[in-house]
């Protein structure tokens, strides 16, 4: 397992910085969205099944089902430690029986770190496309 400050991670950061420096506003938005989606994959543990992800301003609303409350708590801890996401807030968790397997339905609200920069870049890309 690679550490965050390894040479490989440093190389990736330099590569990302170089790509961002030469990117159009539209390409920057795509890079940010890709990074956000990659981060969601990293913070969702096994046993969590997403049914919807919706972005509303600087918030992401995540709905899904979990095999246990521990899985949801683990995901919230990973979000708190994330470089892209912050402030996980459980909106609801409901236990229900589905196909002989009990799954908890949950709804979670998460803030995007640096969302103002993301929105500003998106606006720049819209303006450049006109």
N, C-alpha and C. Protein backbone atom coordinates (compact mmCIF):
# COMPACT_ATOMS: atom_id res chain seq x y z
N UNK A 1 0.84 -1.18 0.00
CA UNK A 1 0.00 0.00 0.00
C UNK A 1 0.88 1.24 0.00
N UNK A 2 0.54 2.20 -0.86
CA UNK A 2 1.33 3.42 -0.97
C UNK A 2 0.89 4.42 0.08
N UNK A 3 1.85 5.16 0.61
CA UNK A 3 1.53 6.21 1.56
C UNK A 3 1.24 7.49 0.80
N UNK A 4 0.52 8.42 1.43
CA UNK A 4 0.12 9.66 0.76
C UNK A 4 1.31 10.51 0.33
N UNK A 5 2.44 10.42 1.02
CA UNK A 5 3.58 11.26 0.68
C UNK A 5 4.66 10.48 -0.06
N UNK A 6 4.29 9.38 -0.70
CA UNK A 6 5.27 8.58 -1.44
C UNK A 6 5.67 9.28 -2.74
N UNK A 7 6.74 8.83 -3.35
CA UNK A 7 7.19 9.39 -4.62
C UNK A 7 6.14 9.26 -5.70
N UNK A 8 5.42 8.14 -5.71
CA UNK A 8 4.39 7.92 -6.71
C UNK A 8 3.28 8.97 -6.60
N UNK A 9 2.84 9.24 -5.36
CA UNK A 9 1.80 10.24 -5.16
C UNK A 9 2.30 11.63 -5.56
N UNK A 10 3.55 11.92 -5.28
CA UNK A 10 4.13 13.21 -5.66
C UNK A 10 4.15 13.34 -7.18
N UNK A 11 4.54 12.26 -7.85
CA UNK A 11 4.55 12.26 -9.32
C UNK A 11 3.14 12.50 -9.86
N UNK A 12 2.14 11.82 -9.28
CA UNK A 12 0.77 12.00 -9.73
C UNK A 12 0.32 13.45 -9.53
N UNK A 13 0.69 14.06 -8.40
CA UNK A 13 0.29 15.44 -8.12
C UNK A 13 0.93 16.40 -9.12
N UNK A 14 2.21 16.19 -9.44
CA UNK A 14 2.88 17.05 -10.43
C UNK A 14 2.21 16.89 -11.78
N UNK A 15 1.87 15.65 -12.15
CA UNK A 15 1.19 15.39 -13.41
C UNK A 15 -0.17 16.08 -13.44
N UNK A 16 -0.91 15.98 -12.34
CA UNK A 16 -2.22 16.62 -12.26
C UNK A 16 -2.09 18.14 -12.35
N UNK A 17 -1.10 18.71 -11.66
CA UNK A 17 -0.87 20.16 -11.72
C UNK A 17 -0.54 20.60 -13.14
N UNK A 18 0.29 19.81 -13.84
CA UNK A 18 0.66 20.15 -15.21
C UNK A 18 -0.57 20.09 -16.13
N UNK A 19 -1.42 19.07 -15.94
CA UNK A 19 -2.63 18.98 -16.75
C UNK A 19 -3.56 20.16 -16.48
N UNK A 20 -3.71 20.52 -15.20
CA UNK A 20 -4.60 21.63 -14.83
C UNK A 20 -4.09 22.95 -15.40
N UNK A 21 -2.76 23.14 -15.41
CA UNK A 21 -2.18 24.39 -15.90
C UNK A 21 -2.47 24.60 -17.39
N UNK A 22 -2.57 23.52 -18.15
CA UNK A 22 -2.78 23.66 -19.59
C UNK A 22 -4.22 23.35 -20.02
N UNK A 23 -5.11 23.13 -19.06
CA UNK A 23 -6.48 22.73 -19.37
C UNK A 23 -7.37 23.93 -19.67
N UNK A 24 -8.35 23.70 -20.51
CA UNK A 24 -9.40 24.70 -20.74
C UNK A 24 -10.35 24.66 -19.54
N UNK A 25 -11.18 25.68 -19.35
CA UNK A 25 -12.14 25.63 -18.25
C UNK A 25 -13.03 24.38 -18.28
N UNK A 26 -13.45 23.99 -19.48
CA UNK A 26 -14.28 22.79 -19.62
C UNK A 26 -13.51 21.55 -19.15
N UNK A 27 -12.24 21.43 -19.53
CA UNK A 27 -11.42 20.30 -19.11
C UNK A 27 -11.21 20.31 -17.60
N UNK A 28 -11.09 21.50 -17.00
CA UNK A 28 -10.95 21.60 -15.54
C UNK A 28 -12.18 21.05 -14.83
N UNK A 29 -13.35 21.39 -15.33
CA UNK A 29 -14.59 20.88 -14.73
C UNK A 29 -14.62 19.36 -14.82
N UNK A 30 -14.26 18.81 -15.97
CA UNK A 30 -14.23 17.35 -16.13
C UNK A 30 -13.23 16.71 -15.17
N UNK A 31 -12.07 17.34 -14.99
CA UNK A 31 -11.06 16.81 -14.07
C UNK A 31 -11.59 16.82 -12.63
N UNK A 32 -12.29 17.90 -12.26
CA UNK A 32 -12.85 17.99 -10.91
C UNK A 32 -13.93 16.95 -10.69
N UNK A 33 -14.79 16.75 -11.67
CA UNK A 33 -15.85 15.76 -11.54
C UNK A 33 -15.25 14.36 -11.45
N UNK A 34 -14.25 14.07 -12.28
CA UNK A 34 -13.58 12.77 -12.21
C UNK A 34 -12.97 12.54 -10.83
N UNK A 35 -12.32 13.57 -10.28
CA UNK A 35 -11.72 13.46 -8.96
C UNK A 35 -12.76 13.22 -7.88
N UNK A 36 -13.89 13.91 -7.99
CA UNK A 36 -14.96 13.73 -7.03
C UNK A 36 -15.54 12.32 -7.09
N UNK A 37 -15.76 11.82 -8.30
CA UNK A 37 -16.28 10.45 -8.45
C UNK A 37 -15.28 9.41 -7.95
N UNK A 38 -14.00 9.63 -8.23
CA UNK A 38 -12.97 8.73 -7.71
C UNK A 38 -12.99 8.71 -6.19
N UNK A 39 -13.18 9.87 -5.58
CA UNK A 39 -13.21 9.96 -4.12
C UNK A 39 -14.42 9.24 -3.55
N UNK A 40 -15.56 9.34 -4.21
CA UNK A 40 -16.75 8.61 -3.76
C UNK A 40 -16.49 7.11 -3.75
N UNK A 41 -15.81 6.62 -4.78
CA UNK A 41 -15.48 5.19 -4.84
C UNK A 41 -14.59 4.80 -3.66
N UNK A 42 -13.65 5.67 -3.28
CA UNK A 42 -12.73 5.38 -2.18
C UNK A 42 -13.43 5.35 -0.82
N UNK A 43 -14.44 6.19 -0.62
CA UNK A 43 -15.05 6.29 0.71
C UNK A 43 -16.21 5.31 0.92
N UNK A 44 -16.69 4.65 -0.12
CA UNK A 44 -17.82 3.74 0.04
C UNK A 44 -17.28 2.33 0.31
N UNK A 45 -17.53 1.82 1.52
CA UNK A 45 -17.01 0.49 1.88
C UNK A 45 -17.88 -0.63 1.31
N UNK A 46 -17.35 -1.86 1.32
CA UNK A 46 -18.17 -3.01 0.93
C UNK A 46 -19.40 -3.09 1.85
N UNK A 47 -20.50 -3.56 1.30
CA UNK A 47 -21.72 -3.68 2.09
C UNK A 47 -22.62 -2.46 2.00
N UNK A 48 -22.19 -1.45 1.21
CA UNK A 48 -23.01 -0.26 0.95
C UNK A 48 -23.43 -0.32 -0.51
N UNK A 49 -24.72 -0.13 -0.76
CA UNK A 49 -25.27 -0.17 -2.11
C UNK A 49 -26.00 1.14 -2.37
N UNK A 50 -25.48 1.94 -3.28
CA UNK A 50 -26.07 3.26 -3.55
C UNK A 50 -27.24 3.15 -4.51
N UNK A 51 -28.27 3.92 -4.23
CA UNK A 51 -29.42 3.98 -5.14
C UNK A 51 -29.50 5.33 -5.84
N UNK A 52 -28.95 6.40 -5.20
CA UNK A 52 -28.90 7.68 -5.89
C UNK A 52 -27.83 8.59 -5.29
N UNK A 53 -27.28 9.44 -6.15
CA UNK A 53 -26.33 10.48 -5.76
C UNK A 53 -26.82 11.73 -6.47
N UNK A 54 -27.04 12.79 -5.71
CA UNK A 54 -27.53 14.03 -6.30
C UNK A 54 -26.74 15.21 -5.73
N UNK A 55 -26.26 16.06 -6.62
CA UNK A 55 -25.52 17.26 -6.21
C UNK A 55 -26.50 18.43 -6.20
N UNK A 56 -26.56 19.11 -5.07
CA UNK A 56 -27.39 20.31 -4.93
C UNK A 56 -26.49 21.41 -4.38
N UNK A 57 -26.03 22.29 -5.24
CA UNK A 57 -25.11 23.34 -4.81
C UNK A 57 -23.80 22.74 -4.33
N UNK A 58 -23.43 23.04 -3.10
CA UNK A 58 -22.18 22.51 -2.54
C UNK A 58 -22.39 21.22 -1.76
N UNK A 59 -23.59 20.64 -1.87
CA UNK A 59 -23.91 19.41 -1.14
C UNK A 59 -24.13 18.24 -2.08
N UNK A 60 -23.81 17.08 -1.58
CA UNK A 60 -24.13 15.83 -2.28
C UNK A 60 -25.07 15.04 -1.38
N UNK A 61 -26.19 14.63 -1.93
CA UNK A 61 -27.16 13.80 -1.20
C UNK A 61 -26.96 12.37 -1.69
N UNK A 62 -26.68 11.48 -0.77
CA UNK A 62 -26.43 10.07 -1.09
C UNK A 62 -27.52 9.24 -0.45
N UNK A 63 -28.17 8.40 -1.24
CA UNK A 63 -29.16 7.47 -0.72
C UNK A 63 -28.75 6.07 -1.11
N UNK A 64 -29.03 5.14 -0.23
CA UNK A 64 -28.69 3.76 -0.54
C UNK A 64 -29.12 2.82 0.56
N UNK A 65 -28.54 1.64 0.52
CA UNK A 65 -28.82 0.61 1.51
C UNK A 65 -27.52 0.04 2.02
N UNK A 66 -27.58 -0.42 3.26
CA UNK A 66 -26.38 -0.94 3.90
C UNK A 66 -26.69 -2.26 4.59
N UNK A 67 -25.70 -3.15 4.59
CA UNK A 67 -25.86 -4.42 5.28
C UNK A 67 -25.83 -4.23 6.79
N UNK A 68 -25.20 -3.14 7.26
CA UNK A 68 -25.17 -2.86 8.70
C UNK A 68 -24.94 -1.37 8.95
N UNK A 69 -25.31 -0.94 10.14
CA UNK A 69 -25.06 0.45 10.53
C UNK A 69 -23.57 0.73 10.61
N UNK A 70 -22.78 -0.29 10.93
CA UNK A 70 -21.32 -0.12 11.00
C UNK A 70 -20.75 0.29 9.65
N UNK A 71 -21.30 -0.22 8.56
CA UNK A 71 -20.83 0.15 7.23
C UNK A 71 -21.07 1.64 6.97
N UNK A 72 -22.24 2.13 7.38
CA UNK A 72 -22.56 3.55 7.19
C UNK A 72 -21.63 4.40 8.06
N UNK A 73 -21.40 3.98 9.30
CA UNK A 73 -20.49 4.71 10.19
C UNK A 73 -19.07 4.72 9.62
N UNK A 74 -18.63 3.61 9.04
CA UNK A 74 -17.31 3.53 8.42
C UNK A 74 -17.22 4.50 7.24
N UNK A 75 -18.27 4.56 6.43
CA UNK A 75 -18.28 5.49 5.30
C UNK A 75 -18.21 6.94 5.79
N UNK A 76 -18.92 7.25 6.85
CA UNK A 76 -18.90 8.61 7.39
C UNK A 76 -17.50 8.98 7.91
N UNK A 77 -16.82 8.02 8.54
CA UNK A 77 -15.44 8.27 9.00
C UNK A 77 -14.51 8.53 7.81
N UNK A 78 -14.67 7.76 6.74
CA UNK A 78 -13.85 7.96 5.55
C UNK A 78 -14.12 9.31 4.90
N UNK A 79 -15.37 9.75 4.93
CA UNK A 79 -15.72 11.06 4.37
C UNK A 79 -15.06 12.16 5.19
N UNK A 80 -15.06 12.03 6.51
CA UNK A 80 -14.43 13.04 7.37
C UNK A 80 -12.93 13.16 7.08
N UNK A 81 -12.29 12.05 6.70
CA UNK A 81 -10.85 12.05 6.42
C UNK A 81 -10.53 12.35 4.95
N UNK A 82 -11.55 12.55 4.14
CA UNK A 82 -11.41 12.75 2.70
C UNK A 82 -10.78 14.09 2.36
N UNK A 83 -10.06 14.13 1.23
CA UNK A 83 -9.52 15.37 0.70
C UNK A 83 -10.56 16.13 -0.12
N UNK A 84 -11.63 15.48 -0.54
CA UNK A 84 -12.64 16.08 -1.40
C UNK A 84 -13.96 16.37 -0.68
N UNK A 85 -14.25 15.59 0.35
CA UNK A 85 -15.57 15.66 0.99
C UNK A 85 -15.43 16.00 2.47
N UNK A 86 -16.52 16.51 3.07
CA UNK A 86 -16.49 16.85 4.48
C UNK A 86 -17.91 16.88 5.04
N UNK A 87 -18.01 16.99 6.34
CA UNK A 87 -19.27 17.18 7.06
C UNK A 87 -20.37 16.19 6.70
N UNK A 88 -20.12 14.88 6.82
CA UNK A 88 -21.22 13.93 6.56
C UNK A 88 -22.30 14.10 7.62
N UNK A 89 -23.53 14.11 7.20
CA UNK A 89 -24.65 14.28 8.11
C UNK A 89 -25.73 13.26 7.76
N UNK A 90 -26.00 12.34 8.69
CA UNK A 90 -27.01 11.32 8.47
C UNK A 90 -28.38 11.98 8.50
N UNK A 91 -29.14 11.80 7.44
CA UNK A 91 -30.49 12.36 7.37
C UNK A 91 -31.52 11.36 7.87
N UNK A 92 -31.31 10.08 7.54
CA UNK A 92 -32.21 9.04 8.03
C UNK A 92 -31.56 7.68 7.82
N UNK A 93 -31.98 6.74 8.66
CA UNK A 93 -31.60 5.35 8.48
C UNK A 93 -32.78 4.51 8.96
N UNK A 94 -33.26 3.63 8.08
CA UNK A 94 -34.45 2.84 8.36
C UNK A 94 -34.13 1.38 8.06
N UNK A 95 -34.44 0.53 9.01
CA UNK A 95 -34.21 -0.90 8.83
C UNK A 95 -35.42 -1.52 8.15
N UNK A 96 -35.17 -2.40 7.19
CA UNK A 96 -36.26 -3.09 6.51
C UNK A 96 -35.79 -4.45 6.01
N UNK A 97 -36.73 -5.34 5.80
CA UNK A 97 -36.42 -6.68 5.32
C UNK A 97 -36.58 -6.69 3.80
N UNK A 98 -35.56 -7.17 3.11
CA UNK A 98 -35.63 -7.25 1.66
C UNK A 98 -35.02 -8.57 1.21
N UNK A 99 -35.82 -9.43 0.59
CA UNK A 99 -35.38 -10.72 0.07
C UNK A 99 -34.61 -11.52 1.12
N UNK A 100 -35.22 -11.69 2.28
CA UNK A 100 -34.66 -12.47 3.38
C UNK A 100 -33.34 -11.93 3.92
N UNK A 101 -32.99 -10.76 3.52
CA UNK A 101 -31.76 -10.14 3.99
C UNK A 101 -32.10 -8.75 4.49
N UNK A 102 -31.76 -8.46 5.69
CA UNK A 102 -32.13 -7.16 6.24
C UNK A 102 -31.14 -6.10 5.81
N UNK A 103 -31.64 -5.08 5.16
CA UNK A 103 -30.82 -3.95 4.73
C UNK A 103 -31.37 -2.68 5.34
N UNK A 104 -30.48 -1.79 5.73
CA UNK A 104 -30.90 -0.50 6.25
C UNK A 104 -30.89 0.51 5.10
N UNK A 105 -31.97 1.21 4.95
CA UNK A 105 -32.04 2.28 3.96
C UNK A 105 -31.51 3.54 4.63
N UNK A 106 -30.62 4.27 3.96
CA UNK A 106 -30.06 5.47 4.57
C UNK A 106 -30.06 6.63 3.58
N UNK A 107 -30.00 7.82 4.16
CA UNK A 107 -29.88 9.06 3.40
C UNK A 107 -28.82 9.89 4.10
N UNK A 108 -27.84 10.35 3.34
CA UNK A 108 -26.69 11.05 3.90
C UNK A 108 -26.43 12.32 3.11
N UNK A 109 -26.15 13.40 3.82
CA UNK A 109 -25.80 14.67 3.19
C UNK A 109 -24.31 14.91 3.43
N UNK A 110 -23.57 15.29 2.36
CA UNK A 110 -22.13 15.49 2.43
C UNK A 110 -21.80 16.81 1.75
N UNK A 111 -20.87 17.56 2.33
CA UNK A 111 -20.40 18.81 1.71
C UNK A 111 -19.18 18.52 0.85
N UNK A 112 -19.04 19.29 -0.22
CA UNK A 112 -17.87 19.19 -1.09
C UNK A 112 -16.86 20.23 -0.63
N UNK A 113 -15.63 19.81 -0.36
CA UNK A 113 -14.58 20.75 0.01
C UNK A 113 -14.24 21.60 -1.21
N UNK A 114 -14.09 22.89 -0.99
CA UNK A 114 -13.74 23.77 -2.11
C UNK A 114 -14.84 23.89 -3.14
N UNK A 115 -16.10 23.72 -2.73
CA UNK A 115 -17.22 23.75 -3.68
C UNK A 115 -17.32 25.09 -4.38
N UNK A 116 -16.96 26.16 -3.71
CA UNK A 116 -17.03 27.47 -4.36
C UNK A 116 -16.09 27.54 -5.55
N UNK A 117 -14.90 26.94 -5.43
CA UNK A 117 -13.97 26.90 -6.57
C UNK A 117 -14.56 26.07 -7.70
N UNK A 118 -15.19 24.94 -7.35
CA UNK A 118 -15.80 24.07 -8.36
C UNK A 118 -16.90 24.82 -9.10
N UNK A 119 -17.77 25.52 -8.38
CA UNK A 119 -18.85 26.27 -9.02
C UNK A 119 -18.28 27.39 -9.89
N UNK A 120 -17.24 28.08 -9.41
CA UNK A 120 -16.62 29.15 -10.19
C UNK A 120 -16.02 28.63 -11.48
N UNK A 121 -15.37 27.47 -11.42
CA UNK A 121 -14.79 26.87 -12.61
C UNK A 121 -15.88 26.44 -13.59
N UNK A 122 -16.98 25.92 -13.06
CA UNK A 122 -18.10 25.52 -13.93
C UNK A 122 -18.68 26.73 -14.64
N UNK A 123 -18.80 27.85 -13.92
CA UNK A 123 -19.32 29.07 -14.54
C UNK A 123 -18.38 29.58 -15.63
N UNK A 124 -17.07 29.49 -15.36
CA UNK A 124 -16.07 29.89 -16.38
C UNK A 124 -16.21 29.03 -17.62
N UNK A 125 -16.42 27.72 -17.43
CA UNK A 125 -16.53 26.82 -18.58
C UNK A 125 -17.79 27.14 -19.39
N UNK A 126 -18.88 27.47 -18.69
CA UNK A 126 -20.11 27.85 -19.41
C UNK A 126 -19.89 29.11 -20.22
N UNK A 127 -19.21 30.09 -19.62
CA UNK A 127 -18.93 31.35 -20.31
C UNK A 127 -18.02 31.16 -21.49
N UNK A 128 -17.04 30.26 -21.39
CA UNK A 128 -16.10 30.02 -22.47
C UNK A 128 -16.76 29.28 -23.63
N UNK A 129 -17.82 28.52 -23.32
CA UNK A 129 -18.49 27.74 -24.36
C UNK A 129 -19.43 28.56 -25.21
N UNK A 130 -19.69 29.80 -24.82
CA UNK A 130 -20.66 30.65 -25.57
C UNK A 130 -20.03 31.27 -26.78
